[in-house]
N, C-alpha and C. Protein backbone atom coordinates (compact mmCIF):
# COMPACT_ATOMS: atom_id res chain seq x y z
N MET A 1 98.01 90.88 110.05
CA MET A 1 97.16 90.40 108.97
C MET A 1 97.98 89.80 107.83
N LEU A 2 99.32 89.95 107.89
CA LEU A 2 100.15 89.46 106.80
C LEU A 2 100.13 87.94 106.74
N LEU A 3 100.11 87.43 105.51
CA LEU A 3 100.18 85.99 105.31
C LEU A 3 101.64 85.56 105.17
N SER A 4 101.92 84.31 105.49
CA SER A 4 103.24 83.75 105.27
C SER A 4 103.40 83.41 103.79
N LEU A 5 104.63 83.21 103.35
CA LEU A 5 104.87 82.80 101.96
C LEU A 5 104.18 81.47 101.70
N GLU A 6 104.18 80.58 102.69
CA GLU A 6 103.52 79.28 102.53
C GLU A 6 102.03 79.46 102.27
N GLU A 7 101.40 80.36 103.04
CA GLU A 7 99.97 80.59 102.83
C GLU A 7 99.70 81.26 101.49
N GLY A 8 100.56 82.22 101.11
CA GLY A 8 100.40 82.87 99.82
C GLY A 8 100.60 81.91 98.67
N SER A 9 101.59 81.05 98.80
CA SER A 9 101.85 80.04 97.77
C SER A 9 100.65 79.09 97.64
N PHE A 10 100.06 78.74 98.78
CA PHE A 10 98.87 77.89 98.76
C PHE A 10 97.76 78.54 97.93
N LEU A 11 97.55 79.86 98.13
CA LEU A 11 96.48 80.55 97.41
C LEU A 11 96.77 80.62 95.91
N VAL A 12 98.01 80.87 95.53
CA VAL A 12 98.35 80.95 94.11
C VAL A 12 98.13 79.59 93.44
N LYS A 13 98.58 78.54 94.09
CA LYS A 13 98.39 77.20 93.51
C LYS A 13 96.92 76.83 93.46
N LEU A 14 96.17 77.24 94.50
CA LEU A 14 94.73 77.00 94.52
C LEU A 14 94.05 77.73 93.36
N ALA A 15 94.46 78.98 93.12
CA ALA A 15 93.89 79.76 92.03
C ALA A 15 94.14 79.08 90.69
N ARG A 16 95.38 78.60 90.49
CA ARG A 16 95.68 77.92 89.23
C ARG A 16 94.87 76.64 89.09
N THR A 17 94.76 75.88 90.16
CA THR A 17 93.98 74.64 90.11
C THR A 17 92.52 74.94 89.80
N ALA A 18 91.98 76.02 90.40
CA ALA A 18 90.58 76.39 90.16
C ALA A 18 90.36 76.72 88.69
N ILE A 19 91.30 77.46 88.10
CA ILE A 19 91.17 77.81 86.68
C ILE A 19 91.27 76.56 85.81
N GLU A 20 92.26 75.73 86.11
CA GLU A 20 92.50 74.53 85.31
C GLU A 20 91.29 73.59 85.33
N LYS A 21 90.76 73.34 86.52
CA LYS A 21 89.61 72.42 86.65
C LYS A 21 88.38 72.99 85.94
N PHE A 22 88.20 74.32 86.07
CA PHE A 22 87.03 74.93 85.45
C PHE A 22 87.13 74.89 83.92
N LEU A 23 88.33 75.18 83.40
CA LEU A 23 88.50 75.21 81.94
C LEU A 23 88.48 73.83 81.31
N THR A 24 88.99 72.83 82.01
CA THR A 24 89.11 71.49 81.41
C THR A 24 87.94 70.57 81.75
N GLU A 25 87.32 70.80 82.92
CA GLU A 25 86.25 69.89 83.34
C GLU A 25 84.93 70.58 83.64
N GLY A 26 84.95 71.93 83.61
CA GLY A 26 83.74 72.67 83.95
C GLY A 26 83.35 72.57 85.41
N VAL A 27 84.32 72.27 86.26
CA VAL A 27 84.08 72.03 87.69
C VAL A 27 84.61 73.21 88.50
N LYS A 28 83.79 73.67 89.47
CA LYS A 28 84.27 74.68 90.43
C LYS A 28 84.72 73.95 91.67
N ILE A 29 86.03 74.05 91.98
CA ILE A 29 86.58 73.28 93.10
C ILE A 29 86.11 73.86 94.44
N THR A 30 86.25 73.08 95.48
CA THR A 30 86.02 73.53 96.85
C THR A 30 87.35 73.53 97.58
N PRO A 31 87.46 74.27 98.70
CA PRO A 31 88.74 74.30 99.42
C PRO A 31 89.17 72.91 99.85
N PRO A 32 90.44 72.55 99.61
CA PRO A 32 90.91 71.22 99.99
C PRO A 32 91.01 71.08 101.51
N PRO A 33 91.02 69.85 102.01
CA PRO A 33 91.06 69.61 103.46
C PRO A 33 92.26 70.24 104.16
N GLN A 34 93.38 70.38 103.45
CA GLN A 34 94.60 70.90 104.08
C GLN A 34 94.68 72.43 104.05
N THR A 35 93.59 73.10 103.72
CA THR A 35 93.59 74.57 103.68
C THR A 35 93.92 75.14 105.06
N PRO A 36 94.93 76.01 105.17
CA PRO A 36 95.24 76.64 106.46
C PRO A 36 94.04 77.40 107.02
N GLN A 37 93.83 77.31 108.31
CA GLN A 37 92.65 77.89 108.94
C GLN A 37 92.56 79.39 108.71
N ARG A 38 93.70 80.09 108.69
CA ARG A 38 93.69 81.55 108.50
C ARG A 38 93.07 81.97 107.17
N LEU A 39 93.11 81.07 106.20
CA LEU A 39 92.60 81.42 104.88
C LEU A 39 91.07 81.39 104.81
N PHE A 40 90.44 81.02 105.93
CA PHE A 40 88.98 81.10 106.01
C PHE A 40 88.52 82.43 106.59
N GLU A 41 89.47 83.30 106.97
CA GLU A 41 89.10 84.65 107.39
C GLU A 41 88.59 85.43 106.19
N GLU A 42 87.66 86.36 106.42
CA GLU A 42 87.13 87.16 105.33
C GLU A 42 88.13 88.25 104.94
N ARG A 43 88.55 88.22 103.68
CA ARG A 43 89.53 89.19 103.16
C ARG A 43 89.17 89.52 101.72
N GLY A 44 89.54 90.73 101.29
CA GLY A 44 89.45 91.06 99.88
C GLY A 44 90.62 90.45 99.13
N VAL A 45 90.42 90.15 97.85
CA VAL A 45 91.49 89.52 97.07
C VAL A 45 91.26 89.75 95.58
N PHE A 46 92.36 89.88 94.84
CA PHE A 46 92.30 89.94 93.38
C PHE A 46 93.22 88.87 92.81
N VAL A 47 92.79 88.26 91.71
CA VAL A 47 93.62 87.32 90.97
C VAL A 47 93.94 87.94 89.61
N THR A 48 95.22 88.00 89.30
CA THR A 48 95.70 88.60 88.05
C THR A 48 96.40 87.53 87.22
N LEU A 49 96.06 87.47 85.94
CA LEU A 49 96.73 86.57 85.00
C LEU A 49 97.56 87.42 84.05
N LYS A 50 98.82 86.98 83.82
CA LYS A 50 99.71 87.71 82.93
C LYS A 50 100.33 86.75 81.92
N ARG A 51 100.46 87.23 80.69
CA ARG A 51 101.14 86.43 79.68
C ARG A 51 102.61 86.29 80.06
N PHE A 52 103.17 85.12 79.82
CA PHE A 52 104.58 84.87 80.12
C PHE A 52 105.33 84.66 78.81
N PRO A 53 106.49 85.28 78.64
CA PRO A 53 107.24 86.08 79.64
C PRO A 53 107.02 87.59 79.55
N SER A 54 106.10 88.05 78.69
CA SER A 54 105.97 89.50 78.45
C SER A 54 105.41 90.26 79.65
N GLY A 55 104.64 89.57 80.52
CA GLY A 55 104.02 90.25 81.65
C GLY A 55 102.77 91.02 81.26
N GLU A 56 102.32 90.88 80.01
CA GLU A 56 101.13 91.58 79.54
C GLU A 56 99.89 91.03 80.26
N LEU A 57 99.00 91.94 80.66
CA LEU A 57 97.80 91.54 81.38
C LEU A 57 96.93 90.62 80.53
N ARG A 58 96.39 89.58 81.18
CA ARG A 58 95.50 88.63 80.47
C ARG A 58 94.16 88.48 81.20
N GLY A 59 94.04 89.08 82.37
CA GLY A 59 92.78 89.02 83.11
C GLY A 59 93.01 89.42 84.56
N CYS A 60 92.06 90.13 85.15
CA CYS A 60 92.18 90.52 86.55
C CYS A 60 90.81 90.84 87.11
N ILE A 61 90.39 90.06 88.10
CA ILE A 61 89.10 90.28 88.76
C ILE A 61 89.24 89.91 90.22
N GLY A 62 88.47 90.57 91.07
CA GLY A 62 88.54 90.23 92.48
C GLY A 62 87.46 90.87 93.30
N TYR A 63 87.66 90.80 94.60
CA TYR A 63 86.72 91.33 95.58
C TYR A 63 87.44 92.39 96.41
N PRO A 64 87.07 93.69 96.26
CA PRO A 64 87.73 94.73 97.04
C PRO A 64 87.42 94.64 98.53
N GLU A 65 86.22 94.18 98.86
CA GLU A 65 85.78 94.17 100.25
C GLU A 65 85.89 92.76 100.84
N PRO A 66 86.12 92.67 102.15
CA PRO A 66 86.17 91.35 102.81
C PRO A 66 84.77 90.80 103.05
N ILE A 67 84.16 90.23 102.02
CA ILE A 67 82.77 89.79 102.12
C ILE A 67 82.62 88.27 102.18
N MET A 68 83.73 87.54 102.01
CA MET A 68 83.65 86.08 102.10
C MET A 68 85.02 85.53 102.49
N PRO A 69 85.06 84.27 102.94
CA PRO A 69 86.35 83.68 103.31
C PRO A 69 87.37 83.80 102.16
N LEU A 70 88.59 84.12 102.51
CA LEU A 70 89.64 84.37 101.52
C LEU A 70 89.79 83.20 100.55
N VAL A 71 89.74 82.00 101.05
CA VAL A 71 89.95 80.83 100.19
C VAL A 71 88.83 80.73 99.14
N LEU A 72 87.60 81.03 99.52
CA LEU A 72 86.48 80.97 98.57
C LEU A 72 86.54 82.14 97.59
N ALA A 73 86.90 83.33 98.10
CA ALA A 73 87.02 84.49 97.22
C ALA A 73 88.11 84.28 96.18
N THR A 74 89.20 83.60 96.57
CA THR A 74 90.30 83.32 95.63
C THR A 74 89.84 82.39 94.52
N ILE A 75 89.10 81.36 94.87
CA ILE A 75 88.59 80.43 93.85
C ILE A 75 87.67 81.17 92.87
N ASP A 76 86.74 81.96 93.41
CA ASP A 76 85.81 82.70 92.56
C ASP A 76 86.54 83.70 91.67
N ALA A 77 87.46 84.46 92.27
CA ALA A 77 88.17 85.48 91.51
C ALA A 77 89.04 84.86 90.41
N ALA A 78 89.65 83.72 90.70
CA ALA A 78 90.49 83.05 89.72
C ALA A 78 89.68 82.64 88.49
N ILE A 79 88.55 82.01 88.73
CA ILE A 79 87.70 81.57 87.62
C ILE A 79 87.20 82.77 86.83
N SER A 80 86.81 83.82 87.54
CA SER A 80 86.30 85.03 86.86
C SER A 80 87.39 85.73 86.07
N ALA A 81 88.61 85.79 86.63
CA ALA A 81 89.72 86.44 85.91
C ALA A 81 90.01 85.70 84.60
N ALA A 82 89.82 84.40 84.62
CA ALA A 82 90.10 83.59 83.42
C ALA A 82 88.95 83.62 82.41
N THR A 83 87.73 83.85 82.89
CA THR A 83 86.58 83.66 81.99
C THR A 83 85.64 84.86 81.87
N LYS A 84 85.73 85.83 82.78
CA LYS A 84 84.71 86.89 82.80
C LYS A 84 85.24 88.31 82.73
N ASP A 85 86.56 88.50 82.58
CA ASP A 85 87.08 89.85 82.45
C ASP A 85 86.62 90.39 81.09
N PRO A 86 85.80 91.45 81.09
CA PRO A 86 85.22 91.93 79.82
C PRO A 86 86.25 92.49 78.85
N ARG A 87 87.48 92.73 79.31
CA ARG A 87 88.51 93.26 78.42
C ARG A 87 89.16 92.19 77.56
N PHE A 88 88.90 90.91 77.87
CA PHE A 88 89.59 89.81 77.19
C PHE A 88 88.61 88.70 76.83
N TYR A 89 88.98 87.92 75.83
CA TYR A 89 88.22 86.70 75.56
C TYR A 89 88.60 85.66 76.63
N PRO A 90 87.70 84.71 76.90
CA PRO A 90 88.00 83.73 77.95
C PRO A 90 89.30 82.96 77.68
N LEU A 91 90.01 82.68 78.75
CA LEU A 91 91.24 81.89 78.66
C LEU A 91 90.91 80.50 78.12
N THR A 92 91.80 79.95 77.32
CA THR A 92 91.61 78.58 76.82
C THR A 92 92.54 77.63 77.59
N PRO A 93 92.22 76.34 77.64
CA PRO A 93 93.11 75.39 78.32
C PRO A 93 94.52 75.41 77.74
N GLN A 94 94.63 75.69 76.43
CA GLN A 94 95.94 75.71 75.79
C GLN A 94 96.83 76.84 76.31
N GLU A 95 96.21 77.88 76.88
CA GLU A 95 96.98 79.02 77.38
C GLU A 95 97.53 78.82 78.79
N LEU A 96 97.12 77.77 79.46
CA LEU A 96 97.54 77.58 80.86
C LEU A 96 99.05 77.53 81.00
N ASP A 97 99.74 77.03 79.99
CA ASP A 97 101.21 76.92 80.03
C ASP A 97 101.90 78.25 79.75
N SER A 98 101.14 79.28 79.36
CA SER A 98 101.78 80.53 78.94
C SER A 98 101.28 81.75 79.72
N VAL A 99 100.65 81.49 80.88
CA VAL A 99 100.27 82.60 81.77
C VAL A 99 100.76 82.31 83.18
N THR A 100 101.07 83.39 83.90
CA THR A 100 101.38 83.26 85.32
C THR A 100 100.18 83.73 86.13
N VAL A 101 100.07 83.20 87.34
CA VAL A 101 98.97 83.51 88.25
C VAL A 101 99.51 84.35 89.41
N GLU A 102 98.83 85.45 89.70
CA GLU A 102 99.22 86.35 90.78
C GLU A 102 98.02 86.57 91.69
N VAL A 103 98.22 86.49 92.99
CA VAL A 103 97.15 86.72 93.96
C VAL A 103 97.54 87.89 94.85
N THR A 104 96.66 88.89 94.93
CA THR A 104 96.89 90.05 95.80
C THR A 104 95.84 90.04 96.90
N VAL A 105 96.28 89.87 98.14
CA VAL A 105 95.39 89.85 99.30
C VAL A 105 95.32 91.26 99.87
N LEU A 106 94.11 91.77 100.08
CA LEU A 106 93.92 93.17 100.41
C LEU A 106 93.61 93.40 101.89
N THR A 107 94.00 94.60 102.35
CA THR A 107 93.50 95.08 103.63
C THR A 107 92.14 95.73 103.37
N PRO A 108 91.30 95.88 104.39
CA PRO A 108 90.00 96.52 104.17
C PRO A 108 90.17 97.96 103.68
N PRO A 109 89.38 98.38 102.67
CA PRO A 109 89.47 99.75 102.19
C PRO A 109 89.15 100.77 103.28
N GLU A 110 89.90 101.86 103.30
CA GLU A 110 89.74 102.91 104.30
C GLU A 110 89.46 104.22 103.58
N GLN A 111 88.33 104.86 103.90
CA GLN A 111 87.99 106.11 103.22
C GLN A 111 89.01 107.19 103.55
N ILE A 112 89.42 107.94 102.52
CA ILE A 112 90.36 109.04 102.70
C ILE A 112 89.55 110.32 102.92
N ASP A 113 89.60 110.83 104.12
CA ASP A 113 88.73 111.94 104.50
C ASP A 113 89.54 113.24 104.57
N VAL A 114 89.93 113.75 103.39
CA VAL A 114 90.64 115.02 103.30
C VAL A 114 90.07 115.81 102.12
N PRO A 115 90.26 117.13 102.07
CA PRO A 115 89.84 117.88 100.88
C PRO A 115 90.54 117.34 99.63
N PRO A 116 89.85 117.37 98.47
CA PRO A 116 90.41 116.76 97.25
C PRO A 116 91.84 117.19 96.93
N GLN A 117 92.16 118.47 97.12
CA GLN A 117 93.49 118.97 96.76
C GLN A 117 94.60 118.29 97.57
N GLN A 118 94.24 117.73 98.73
CA GLN A 118 95.25 117.09 99.59
C GLN A 118 95.43 115.60 99.31
N LEU A 119 94.60 115.06 98.43
CA LEU A 119 94.67 113.61 98.16
C LEU A 119 96.07 113.14 97.75
N PRO A 120 96.79 113.85 96.85
CA PRO A 120 98.12 113.34 96.47
C PRO A 120 99.09 113.25 97.64
N ARG A 121 98.84 114.00 98.71
CA ARG A 121 99.77 114.01 99.84
C ARG A 121 99.52 112.86 100.82
N VAL A 122 98.33 112.29 100.78
CA VAL A 122 98.00 111.26 101.78
C VAL A 122 97.97 109.85 101.19
N ILE A 123 98.29 109.73 99.90
CA ILE A 123 98.45 108.40 99.32
C ILE A 123 99.92 108.24 98.93
N LYS A 124 100.34 107.00 98.73
CA LYS A 124 101.74 106.74 98.38
C LYS A 124 101.81 105.64 97.33
N VAL A 125 102.40 105.99 96.19
CA VAL A 125 102.66 104.99 95.15
C VAL A 125 103.64 103.96 95.69
N GLY A 126 103.35 102.70 95.46
CA GLY A 126 104.19 101.62 95.97
C GLY A 126 103.69 101.05 97.28
N ARG A 127 102.70 101.72 97.88
CA ARG A 127 102.11 101.23 99.13
C ARG A 127 100.61 101.02 98.99
N ASP A 128 99.93 102.03 98.42
CA ASP A 128 98.47 102.03 98.43
C ASP A 128 97.87 101.59 97.11
N GLY A 129 96.73 100.93 97.19
CA GLY A 129 95.81 100.79 96.08
C GLY A 129 94.70 101.79 96.28
N LEU A 130 93.95 102.08 95.20
CA LEU A 130 92.90 103.10 95.28
C LEU A 130 91.58 102.59 94.73
N ILE A 131 90.51 103.07 95.36
CA ILE A 131 89.14 102.88 94.86
C ILE A 131 88.51 104.26 94.78
N VAL A 132 87.81 104.56 93.69
CA VAL A 132 87.01 105.77 93.60
C VAL A 132 85.55 105.36 93.43
N ARG A 133 84.69 106.08 94.11
CA ARG A 133 83.24 105.90 93.96
C ARG A 133 82.63 107.28 93.76
N CYS A 134 81.91 107.45 92.66
CA CYS A 134 81.33 108.74 92.32
C CYS A 134 80.01 108.48 91.63
N GLY A 135 78.90 108.74 92.34
CA GLY A 135 77.60 108.38 91.79
C GLY A 135 77.52 106.87 91.61
N LEU A 136 77.15 106.44 90.42
CA LEU A 136 77.05 105.01 90.13
C LEU A 136 78.37 104.43 89.63
N ALA A 137 79.35 105.29 89.37
CA ALA A 137 80.63 104.84 88.82
C ALA A 137 81.59 104.46 89.93
N SER A 138 82.38 103.43 89.67
CA SER A 138 83.44 103.06 90.61
C SER A 138 84.59 102.44 89.84
N GLY A 139 85.79 102.58 90.38
CA GLY A 139 86.97 102.00 89.75
C GLY A 139 88.00 101.67 90.81
N LEU A 140 88.84 100.67 90.51
CA LEU A 140 89.87 100.22 91.45
C LEU A 140 91.15 99.95 90.70
N LEU A 141 92.27 100.38 91.30
CA LEU A 141 93.59 100.00 90.80
C LEU A 141 94.40 99.44 91.96
N LEU A 142 95.04 98.30 91.72
CA LEU A 142 95.84 97.64 92.74
C LEU A 142 97.14 98.40 92.99
N PRO A 143 97.78 98.20 94.15
CA PRO A 143 98.99 98.95 94.48
C PRO A 143 100.12 98.80 93.47
N GLN A 144 100.20 97.64 92.81
CA GLN A 144 101.31 97.42 91.89
C GLN A 144 101.16 98.16 90.56
N VAL A 145 99.94 98.60 90.23
CA VAL A 145 99.69 99.20 88.91
C VAL A 145 100.45 100.51 88.70
N PRO A 146 100.39 101.50 89.60
CA PRO A 146 101.13 102.73 89.34
C PRO A 146 102.64 102.52 89.30
N VAL A 147 103.14 101.53 90.04
CA VAL A 147 104.57 101.23 90.00
C VAL A 147 104.95 100.70 88.62
N GLU A 148 104.12 99.79 88.09
CA GLU A 148 104.40 99.20 86.78
C GLU A 148 104.38 100.25 85.67
N TRP A 149 103.54 101.28 85.83
CA TRP A 149 103.40 102.31 84.80
C TRP A 149 104.23 103.56 85.07
N GLY A 150 104.87 103.62 86.23
CA GLY A 150 105.72 104.77 86.55
C GLY A 150 104.95 106.04 86.85
N TRP A 151 103.74 105.91 87.38
CA TRP A 151 102.92 107.09 87.69
C TRP A 151 103.32 107.71 89.02
N ASN A 152 103.12 109.03 89.13
CA ASN A 152 103.20 109.68 90.43
C ASN A 152 101.81 109.67 91.08
N GLU A 153 101.67 110.29 92.24
CA GLU A 153 100.41 110.20 92.97
C GLU A 153 99.25 110.86 92.22
N GLU A 154 99.49 112.00 91.58
CA GLU A 154 98.40 112.65 90.84
C GLU A 154 97.98 111.83 89.63
N GLU A 155 98.95 111.24 88.94
CA GLU A 155 98.62 110.37 87.80
C GLU A 155 97.85 109.14 88.27
N PHE A 156 98.22 108.61 89.42
CA PHE A 156 97.54 107.45 89.99
C PHE A 156 96.07 107.80 90.26
N LEU A 157 95.82 108.96 90.87
CA LEU A 157 94.45 109.40 91.11
C LEU A 157 93.69 109.56 89.80
N SER A 158 94.32 110.18 88.81
CA SER A 158 93.67 110.40 87.51
C SER A 158 93.33 109.09 86.83
N GLN A 159 94.26 108.14 86.86
CA GLN A 159 94.04 106.86 86.18
C GLN A 159 92.99 106.02 86.90
N THR A 160 92.85 106.20 88.22
CA THR A 160 91.77 105.51 88.93
C THR A 160 90.43 106.06 88.48
N CYS A 161 90.36 107.38 88.26
CA CYS A 161 89.14 107.99 87.71
C CYS A 161 88.82 107.42 86.33
N VAL A 162 89.85 107.34 85.48
CA VAL A 162 89.67 106.82 84.12
C VAL A 162 89.16 105.37 84.17
N LYS A 163 89.72 104.58 85.11
CA LYS A 163 89.29 103.18 85.25
C LYS A 163 87.79 103.11 85.54
N ALA A 164 87.27 104.12 86.24
CA ALA A 164 85.84 104.14 86.58
C ALA A 164 84.99 104.72 85.45
N GLY A 165 85.64 105.12 84.34
CA GLY A 165 84.90 105.73 83.25
C GLY A 165 84.59 107.19 83.50
N LEU A 166 85.36 107.81 84.39
CA LEU A 166 85.16 109.20 84.76
C LEU A 166 86.26 110.08 84.15
N PRO A 167 86.09 111.40 84.11
CA PRO A 167 87.16 112.27 83.62
C PRO A 167 88.39 112.16 84.51
N PRO A 168 89.60 112.34 83.95
CA PRO A 168 90.83 112.18 84.74
C PRO A 168 90.91 113.10 85.96
N ASN A 169 90.25 114.25 85.88
CA ASN A 169 90.34 115.20 87.00
C ASN A 169 89.20 115.03 88.00
N CYS A 170 88.49 113.92 87.94
CA CYS A 170 87.36 113.73 88.86
C CYS A 170 87.80 113.71 90.31
N TRP A 171 89.09 113.45 90.55
CA TRP A 171 89.54 113.39 91.95
C TRP A 171 89.49 114.75 92.63
N LEU A 172 89.34 115.82 91.84
CA LEU A 172 89.21 117.16 92.42
C LEU A 172 87.75 117.49 92.74
N ASP A 173 86.82 116.61 92.39
CA ASP A 173 85.40 116.81 92.65
C ASP A 173 85.08 116.27 94.05
N PRO A 174 84.63 117.12 94.98
CA PRO A 174 84.37 116.66 96.35
C PRO A 174 83.26 115.63 96.45
N ARG A 175 82.46 115.46 95.38
CA ARG A 175 81.41 114.43 95.41
C ARG A 175 81.99 113.02 95.22
N CYS A 176 83.20 112.93 94.73
CA CYS A 176 83.85 111.63 94.51
C CYS A 176 84.59 111.20 95.78
N LYS A 177 84.33 110.00 96.21
CA LYS A 177 84.95 109.47 97.43
C LYS A 177 86.08 108.51 97.05
N PHE A 178 87.22 108.68 97.73
CA PHE A 178 88.37 107.80 97.50
C PHE A 178 88.65 106.95 98.73
N TYR A 179 89.09 105.75 98.48
CA TYR A 179 89.46 104.80 99.52
C TYR A 179 90.83 104.24 99.19
N LYS A 180 91.64 103.99 100.22
CA LYS A 180 92.94 103.38 99.98
C LYS A 180 93.02 102.05 100.72
N PHE A 181 93.87 101.18 100.21
CA PHE A 181 94.08 99.87 100.82
C PHE A 181 95.49 99.42 100.47
N GLN A 182 95.97 98.43 101.16
CA GLN A 182 97.27 97.84 100.84
C GLN A 182 97.07 96.40 100.37
N GLY A 183 98.08 95.88 99.72
CA GLY A 183 97.98 94.52 99.20
C GLY A 183 99.26 93.73 99.42
N GLN A 184 99.09 92.45 99.66
CA GLN A 184 100.23 91.53 99.76
C GLN A 184 100.18 90.66 98.51
N ILE A 185 101.26 90.71 97.73
CA ILE A 185 101.26 90.11 96.39
C ILE A 185 102.08 88.82 96.36
N PHE A 186 101.45 87.76 95.88
CA PHE A 186 102.13 86.48 95.69
C PHE A 186 101.98 86.09 94.23
N THR A 187 103.09 85.69 93.59
CA THR A 187 103.03 85.42 92.16
C THR A 187 103.94 84.27 91.76
N GLU A 188 103.54 83.57 90.71
CA GLU A 188 104.41 82.55 90.11
C GLU A 188 105.56 83.25 89.38
N THR A 189 106.75 82.68 89.46
CA THR A 189 107.88 83.23 88.71
C THR A 189 107.83 82.82 87.24
N GLU A 190 107.12 81.75 86.96
CA GLU A 190 106.86 81.26 85.60
C GLU A 190 105.65 80.35 85.69
N PRO A 191 104.99 80.04 84.57
CA PRO A 191 103.81 79.17 84.64
C PRO A 191 104.12 77.85 85.36
N TYR A 192 103.32 77.54 86.36
CA TYR A 192 103.49 76.34 87.19
C TYR A 192 104.78 76.37 88.01
N GLY A 193 105.43 77.53 88.08
CA GLY A 193 106.73 77.64 88.75
C GLY A 193 106.61 77.99 90.21
N PRO A 194 107.76 78.24 90.86
CA PRO A 194 107.77 78.62 92.28
C PRO A 194 107.00 79.91 92.51
N VAL A 195 106.48 80.07 93.72
CA VAL A 195 105.74 81.27 94.09
C VAL A 195 106.62 82.13 94.99
N VAL A 196 106.63 83.44 94.72
CA VAL A 196 107.37 84.39 95.54
C VAL A 196 106.43 85.49 96.01
N GLU A 197 106.82 86.15 97.10
CA GLU A 197 106.11 87.36 97.51
C GLU A 197 106.79 88.53 96.83
N GLU A 198 106.00 89.33 96.11
CA GLU A 198 106.54 90.42 95.34
C GLU A 198 106.45 91.72 96.14
N LYS A 199 107.60 92.39 96.29
CA LYS A 199 107.63 93.68 96.96
C LYS A 199 107.65 94.77 95.90
N ILE A 200 106.80 95.78 96.06
CA ILE A 200 106.69 96.79 95.00
C ILE A 200 107.22 98.15 95.40
N SER A 201 107.41 98.40 96.70
CA SER A 201 107.86 99.75 97.10
C SER A 201 109.38 99.81 97.13
C-alpha cells in the first residue's frame, strides 16, 4: 500500500495547487490528466499546514476512513485545512509563501480489541496514529504528533481523549473504543520547495 516518493510528491504539490487556486480564484480544482492511477484508490488522508520555519501548526483536516479516491480526498482536505479548521482563521493568499504543506496517507483504521489497561502495550509511538470514539465524541491524532511532543504511549492515549473533548483518563473506560492506523508522510522542506518522505520512528 506504500506510495512512491514520486506519488507522494504529486499529492503534496496537488494539495498546494488546490489551496492556491481556491484562495486566489475561488476555484476547486479537479485531478489533472497526469494523475497516477494508484491515487484513485480509496484511502484516508490528512493535509497539515505548518508555519515556516517555526513548524507551528496552521491547519490540519482530513479523512480518517477510505471513503473516496485519494486524489479527491487530498484536494478536499487541503482546501478545508486552509479554510475550515476551527482552531485558526482562514489562510490568506499572502501566507502561501510562509507555510509548508504536508500530506499523510493513512492505512484503514483497525479497532484495538484488548482490555483498556493493555492499550499502552499494543500501540507504539512513532508507528501508530490513534482514533477514540466514545458516545458522540471522537478524536484523532496522527502518528507524528506524539513524536513531536515527546509523549509516551499512555500520554498519547490521554491526549487523544483530550482531542475528543473527553477526560484524559477516558482510555480506561471500556465504553470508549480505540482504533490504530499508520501513516506515510510527505512534506515540503520549505514553501514551494522539494518534497521528502518523513520518517518518524
